[in-house]
Protein backbone atom coordinates (compact mmCIF):
# COMPACT_ATOMS: atom_id res chain seq x y z
CA MET A 1 -8.03 -27.59 -44.25
CA PRO A 2 -9.40 -25.54 -41.30
CA ARG A 3 -6.95 -24.12 -38.79
CA SER A 4 -6.77 -25.80 -35.36
CA ASN A 5 -6.88 -23.50 -32.35
CA ARG A 6 -5.54 -26.09 -29.95
CA PRO A 7 -2.01 -25.54 -28.63
CA ARG A 8 0.59 -27.83 -30.09
CA ARG A 9 2.89 -29.90 -27.97
CA ARG A 10 6.54 -29.02 -27.92
CA ALA A 11 9.07 -31.46 -29.31
CA GLY A 12 9.85 -34.14 -26.74
CA GLY A 13 6.38 -33.91 -25.14
CA GLY A 14 7.40 -31.18 -22.69
CA HIS A 15 5.13 -28.54 -21.20
CA ALA A 16 4.89 -25.15 -22.83
CA GLU A 17 5.90 -23.46 -19.54
CA PRO A 18 8.26 -24.71 -16.84
CA GLU A 19 6.52 -25.99 -13.74
CA ARG A 20 6.52 -23.69 -10.72
CA ASP A 21 6.02 -24.67 -7.13
CA ILE A 22 2.84 -23.57 -5.38
CA GLU A 23 4.73 -21.26 -2.99
CA SER A 24 6.12 -19.12 -5.80
CA VAL A 25 2.70 -18.92 -7.46
CA LEU A 26 0.99 -17.78 -4.25
CA MET A 27 3.68 -15.43 -3.00
CA GLY A 28 4.80 -13.96 -6.32
CA ASN A 29 8.31 -12.59 -6.29
CA ARG A 30 8.67 -12.11 -2.55
CA ARG A 31 12.26 -11.60 -1.55
CA THR A 32 14.34 -10.88 1.52
CA GLU A 33 16.41 -7.71 1.76
CA SER A 34 18.70 -6.42 4.46
CA ARG A 35 18.67 -2.76 5.52
CA ARG A 36 20.65 -1.28 8.41
CA GLY A 37 21.36 -4.75 9.80
CA GLN A 38 17.68 -5.86 9.79
CA ALA A 39 16.03 -8.40 7.50
CA PHE A 40 12.90 -7.33 5.61
CA SER A 41 10.46 -9.30 3.52
CA VAL A 42 9.59 -7.40 0.33
CA GLN A 43 6.47 -8.39 -1.65
CA PRO A 44 5.78 -6.62 -4.97
CA ILE A 45 2.11 -5.79 -5.62
CA SER A 46 1.05 -5.41 -9.24
CA ALA A 47 -1.16 -2.56 -10.40
CA ALA A 48 -3.99 -5.04 -11.01
CA LYS A 49 -3.84 -6.29 -7.41
CA ALA A 50 -3.55 -2.85 -5.83
CA VAL A 51 -7.16 -2.19 -4.89
CA LYS A 52 -6.79 0.24 -1.95
CA ALA A 53 -5.00 3.50 -1.37
CA TYR A 54 -2.11 3.64 1.15
CA SER A 55 0.30 6.21 2.53
CA CYS A 56 3.98 5.62 1.77
CA PRO A 57 6.19 5.91 4.89
CA GLY A 58 9.14 6.96 2.73
CA CYS A 59 7.73 10.14 1.22
CA GLY A 60 4.41 10.50 3.05
CA GLY A 61 2.63 10.60 -0.31
CA ALA A 62 -0.36 8.56 -1.36
CA ILE A 63 -0.15 5.26 -3.17
CA GLU A 64 -3.39 5.29 -5.13
CA ALA A 65 -5.41 2.18 -6.00
CA GLY A 66 -4.18 0.71 -9.29
CA VAL A 67 -0.54 1.71 -8.72
CA ALA A 68 2.13 -1.01 -8.48
CA HIS A 69 4.07 -0.83 -5.17
CA LEU A 70 5.83 -2.90 -2.50
CA VAL A 71 4.64 -4.31 0.81
CA VAL A 72 7.53 -4.48 3.32
CA TRP A 73 7.76 -5.97 6.80
CA ARG A 74 10.50 -6.88 9.26
CA MET A 75 11.43 -10.52 9.56
CA ASP A 76 13.43 -10.41 12.79
CA GLY A 77 11.27 -8.46 15.21
CA VAL A 78 11.31 -9.42 18.89
CA LEU A 79 7.52 -9.75 19.10
CA GLY A 80 7.30 -12.59 16.57
CA ASP A 81 6.20 -13.17 13.00
CA ALA A 82 2.54 -12.24 13.57
CA ALA A 83 3.48 -8.82 14.97
CA ASP A 84 5.96 -8.23 12.12
CA LEU A 85 3.31 -9.05 9.52
CA ALA A 86 0.75 -6.81 11.26
CA ALA A 87 3.26 -3.94 11.13
CA ARG A 88 3.80 -4.21 7.35
CA ARG A 89 3.86 -1.02 5.31
CA HIS A 90 3.16 -0.19 1.66
CA TRP A 91 5.99 1.67 -0.11
CA HIS A 92 6.51 3.26 -3.50
CA GLU A 93 9.23 1.21 -5.23
CA HIS A 94 11.47 4.26 -5.60
CA CYS A 95 11.04 5.26 -1.96
CA TRP A 96 12.02 1.78 -0.75
CA ARG A 97 15.11 1.71 -2.99
CA THR A 98 16.32 5.05 -1.68
CA ALA A 99 15.44 4.45 2.00
């Protein structure tokens, strides 16, 4: 009998993967971190999605295209969310952890 390439259903008729809400799919693993009494939004960028080169504010070195890194912005700035997002910076993961 030929082999079937169609995925088989799990016992109980469940999905192969747990359902995720649309926000987590679009935003990835974005998280909130607190540094020196200020809240920051931290968004990991995978190597596949890193298509431009940036300068890391932690070490001053280059973050080349194709290198996984973090995008970080303040969440509690006095000028509002739009200004905070516009002031976001790209960091090496190590530089952000040690900042």
